[in-house]
Amino acid sequence: MIRAMQLAELDDDELENRLIQYRQELFNLRFRLATSKLDNFSRIREVKKDIARVLTVMRQRGVQEYQVNQTVEWIADTQMSQEEAVSDQLIQDDQGDQGDLGIDENTGIG
């Protein structure tokens, strides 16, 4: 049995390999159970829990990657909105200055 902390230290490829190994072992255990050649019935439960641990770590990594991507997108959107607001403000300021000089906004003639 492997602990979740040990699994968290593994890279993605190693996690996938472990998952394949555990699923293969579970298949073999079930096959031996069906043919009445299984001696250690508790091993099935252990392997199922190992599979669940691997899947949990993989899912957590996926959720973390998703959250990081969402944060990066939010920052980019926020910066874009700030830049648009600044440019809109500059345009409004320019139009306001023209109004003070007595320039017609439609024709640009004073």
C-alpha atoms as a PDB file:
ATOM      1  CA  MET A   1       0.000   0.000   0.000  1.00  0.00           C
ATOM      2  CA  ILE A   2       1.315   3.428  -0.924  1.00  0.00           C
ATOM      3  CA  ARG A   3       0.514   6.661   0.859  1.00  0.00           C
ATOM      4  CA  ALA A   4      -0.965   9.703  -0.852  1.00  0.00           C
ATOM      5  CA  MET A   5       2.027  11.858   0.096  1.00  0.00           C
ATOM      6  CA  GLN A   6       4.334   9.428  -1.684  1.00  0.00           C
ATOM      7  CA  LEU A   7       2.112   9.563  -4.755  1.00  0.00           C
ATOM      8  CA  ALA A   8       2.088  13.359  -4.725  1.00  0.00           C
ATOM      9  CA  GLU A   9       5.870  13.332  -5.101  1.00  0.00           C
ATOM     10  CA  LEU A  10       5.705  11.307  -8.341  1.00  0.00           C
ATOM     11  CA  ASP A  11       5.551  12.928 -11.765  1.00  0.00           C
ATOM     12  CA  ASP A  12       2.569  12.528 -14.087  1.00  0.00           C
ATOM     13  CA  ASP A  13       4.069   9.721 -16.171  1.00  0.00           C
ATOM     14  CA  GLU A  14       4.932   7.678 -13.097  1.00  0.00           C
ATOM     15  CA  LEU A  15       1.398   8.177 -11.757  1.00  0.00           C
ATOM     16  CA  GLU A  16      -0.062   6.886 -15.009  1.00  0.00           C
ATOM     17  CA  ASN A  17       2.245   3.864 -14.867  1.00  0.00           C
ATOM     18  CA  ARG A  18       1.169   3.140 -11.296  1.00  0.00           C
ATOM     19  CA  LEU A  19      -2.476   3.413 -12.284  1.00  0.00           C
ATOM     20  CA  ILE A  20      -1.968   0.918 -15.112  1.00  0.00           C
ATOM     21  CA  GLN A  21      -0.134  -1.466 -12.773  1.00  0.00           C
ATOM     22  CA  TYR A  22      -2.831  -1.286 -10.110  1.00  0.00           C
ATOM     23  CA  ARG A  23      -5.632  -1.811 -12.605  1.00  0.00           C
ATOM     24  CA  GLN A  24      -3.808  -4.798 -14.085  1.00  0.00           C
ATOM     25  CA  GLU A  25      -3.311  -6.235 -10.599  1.00  0.00           C
ATOM     26  CA  LEU A  26      -6.999  -5.706  -9.788  1.00  0.00           C
ATOM     27  CA  PHE A  27      -7.961  -7.499 -13.000  1.00  0.00           C
ATOM     28  CA  ASN A  28      -5.704 -10.428 -12.083  1.00  0.00           C
ATOM     29  CA  LEU A  29      -7.075 -10.562  -8.543  1.00  0.00           C
ATOM     30  CA  ARG A  30     -10.660 -10.603  -9.797  1.00  0.00           C
ATOM     31  CA  PHE A  31      -9.776 -13.318 -12.282  1.00  0.00           C
ATOM     32  CA  ARG A  32      -8.228 -15.419  -9.522  1.00  0.00           C
ATOM     33  CA  LEU A  33     -11.290 -14.761  -7.351  1.00  0.00           C
ATOM     34  CA  ALA A  34     -13.567 -16.018 -10.146  1.00  0.00           C
ATOM     35  CA  THR A  35     -11.501 -19.182 -10.545  1.00  0.00           C
ATOM     36  CA  SER A  36     -11.413 -19.748  -6.756  1.00  0.00           C
ATOM     37  CA  LYS A  37      -7.633 -19.427  -6.598  1.00  0.00           C
ATOM     38  CA  LEU A  38      -7.439 -16.226  -4.536  1.00  0.00           C
ATOM     39  CA  ASP A  39      -6.009 -16.631  -1.039  1.00  0.00           C
ATOM     40  CA  ASN A  40      -5.812 -13.024   0.143  1.00  0.00           C
ATOM     41  CA  PHE A  41      -9.231 -11.414  -0.354  1.00  0.00           C
ATOM     42  CA  SER A  42      -8.226  -8.202   1.413  1.00  0.00           C
ATOM     43  CA  ARG A  43      -5.715  -7.444  -1.338  1.00  0.00           C
ATOM     44  CA  ILE A  44      -8.615  -6.529  -3.659  1.00  0.00           C
ATOM     45  CA  ARG A  45      -9.680  -3.788  -1.250  1.00  0.00           C
ATOM     46  CA  GLU A  46      -6.096  -2.521  -0.905  1.00  0.00           C
ATOM     47  CA  VAL A  47      -5.613  -2.303  -4.659  1.00  0.00           C
ATOM     48  CA  LYS A  48      -8.932  -0.479  -5.113  1.00  0.00           C
ATOM     49  CA  LYS A  49      -7.833   2.083  -2.524  1.00  0.00           C
ATOM     50  CA  ASP A  50      -4.457   2.466  -4.229  1.00  0.00           C
ATOM     51  CA  ILE A  51      -6.258   3.155  -7.516  1.00  0.00           C
ATOM     52  CA  ALA A  52      -8.444   5.727  -5.780  1.00  0.00           C
ATOM     53  CA  ARG A  53      -5.390   7.428  -4.281  1.00  0.00           C
ATOM     54  CA  VAL A  54      -3.671   7.688  -7.658  1.00  0.00           C
ATOM     55  CA  LEU A  55      -6.820   9.062  -9.299  1.00  0.00           C
ATOM     56  CA  THR A  56      -7.251  11.582  -6.483  1.00  0.00           C
ATOM     57  CA  VAL A  57      -3.712  12.921  -6.886  1.00  0.00           C
ATOM     58  CA  MET A  58      -4.164  13.102 -10.657  1.00  0.00           C
ATOM     59  CA  ARG A  59      -7.449  14.958 -10.263  1.00  0.00           C
ATOM     60  CA  GLN A  60      -5.985  17.393  -7.737  1.00  0.00           C
ATOM     61  CA  ARG A  61      -3.207  18.227 -10.155  1.00  0.00           C
ATOM     62  CA  GLY A  62      -5.757  18.760 -12.901  1.00  0.00           C
ATOM     63  CA  VAL A  63      -7.823  21.062 -10.703  1.00  0.00           C
ATOM     64  CA  GLN A  64      -4.721  23.030  -9.699  1.00  0.00           C
ATOM     65  CA  GLU A  65      -3.709  23.446 -13.339  1.00  0.00           C
ATOM     66  CA  TYR A  66      -7.247  24.611 -14.165  1.00  0.00           C
ATOM     67  CA  GLN A  67      -7.195  27.107 -11.292  1.00  0.00           C
ATOM     68  CA  VAL A  68      -3.814  28.466 -12.382  1.00  0.00           C
ATOM     69  CA  ASN A  69      -5.077  28.863 -15.961  1.00  0.00           C
ATOM     70  CA  GLN A  70      -8.207  30.640 -14.746  1.00  0.00           C
ATOM     71  CA  THR A  71      -6.127  32.997 -12.611  1.00  0.00           C
ATOM     72  CA  VAL A  72      -3.828  33.838 -15.511  1.00  0.00           C
ATOM     73  CA  GLU A  73      -6.832  34.515 -17.755  1.00  0.00           C
ATOM     74  CA  TRP A  74      -8.429  36.714 -15.075  1.00  0.00           C
ATOM     75  CA  ILE A  75      -5.233  38.746 -14.694  1.00  0.00           C
ATOM     76  CA  ALA A  76      -4.975  39.186 -18.465  1.00  0.00           C
ATOM     77  CA  ASP A  77      -8.634  40.265 -18.680  1.00  0.00           C
ATOM     78  CA  THR A  78      -8.182  42.691 -15.800  1.00  0.00           C
ATOM     79  CA  GLN A  79      -5.117  44.252 -17.390  1.00  0.00           C
ATOM     80  CA  MET A  80      -6.942  44.516 -20.713  1.00  0.00           C
ATOM     81  CA  SER A  81      -9.911  46.194 -19.014  1.00  0.00           C
ATOM     82  CA  GLN A  82      -7.626  48.650 -17.249  1.00  0.00           C
ATOM     83  CA  GLU A  83      -5.870  49.519 -20.512  1.00  0.00           C
ATOM     84  CA  GLU A  84      -9.229  50.043 -22.240  1.00  0.00           C
ATOM     85  CA  ALA A  85     -10.409  52.251 -19.382  1.00  0.00           C
ATOM     86  CA  VAL A  86      -7.261  54.373 -19.596  1.00  0.00           C
ATOM     87  CA  SER A  87      -7.576  54.773 -23.362  1.00  0.00           C
ATOM     88  CA  ASP A  88     -11.282  55.655 -23.011  1.00  0.00           C
ATOM     89  CA  GLN A  89     -10.378  58.237 -20.382  1.00  0.00           C
ATOM     90  CA  LEU A  90      -7.713  59.736 -22.653  1.00  0.00           C
ATOM     91  CA  ILE A  91     -10.201  59.982 -25.513  1.00  0.00           C
ATOM     92  CA  GLN A  92     -12.745  61.665 -23.243  1.00  0.00           C
ATOM     93  CA  ASP A  93     -10.102  64.081 -21.970  1.00  0.00           C
ATOM     94  CA  ASP A  94      -9.124  64.983 -25.530  1.00  0.00           C
ATOM     95  CA  GLN A  95     -12.749  65.609 -26.456  1.00  0.00           C
ATOM     96  CA  GLY A  96     -13.246  67.683 -23.348  1.00  0.00           C
ATOM     97  CA  ASP A  97     -10.228  69.832 -24.182  1.00  0.00           C
ATOM     98  CA  GLN A  98     -11.596  70.526 -27.653  1.00  0.00           C
ATOM     99  CA  GLY A  99     -14.882  71.638 -26.119  1.00  0.00           C
ATOM    100  CA  ASP A 100     -13.083  74.162 -23.932  1.00  0.00           C
ATOM    101  CA  LEU A 101     -11.387  75.699 -26.984  1.00  0.00           C
ATOM    102  CA  GLY A 102     -14.691  76.357 -28.691  1.00  0.00           C
ATOM    103  CA  ILE A 103     -14.120  73.669 -31.364  1.00  0.00           C
ATOM    104  CA  ASP A 104     -17.200  72.033 -32.787  1.00  0.00           C
ATOM    105  CA  GLU A 105     -16.969  68.308 -31.996  1.00  0.00           C
ATOM    106  CA  ASN A 106     -18.772  67.346 -35.227  1.00  0.00           C
ATOM    107  CA  THR A 107     -16.752  69.411 -37.712  1.00  0.00           C
ATOM    108  CA  GLY A 108     -13.591  70.096 -35.746  1.00  0.00           C
ATOM    109  CA  ILE A 109     -13.787  73.773 -36.800  1.00  0.00           C
ATOM    110  CA  GLY A 110     -13.609  76.486 -34.195  1.00  0.00           C
END
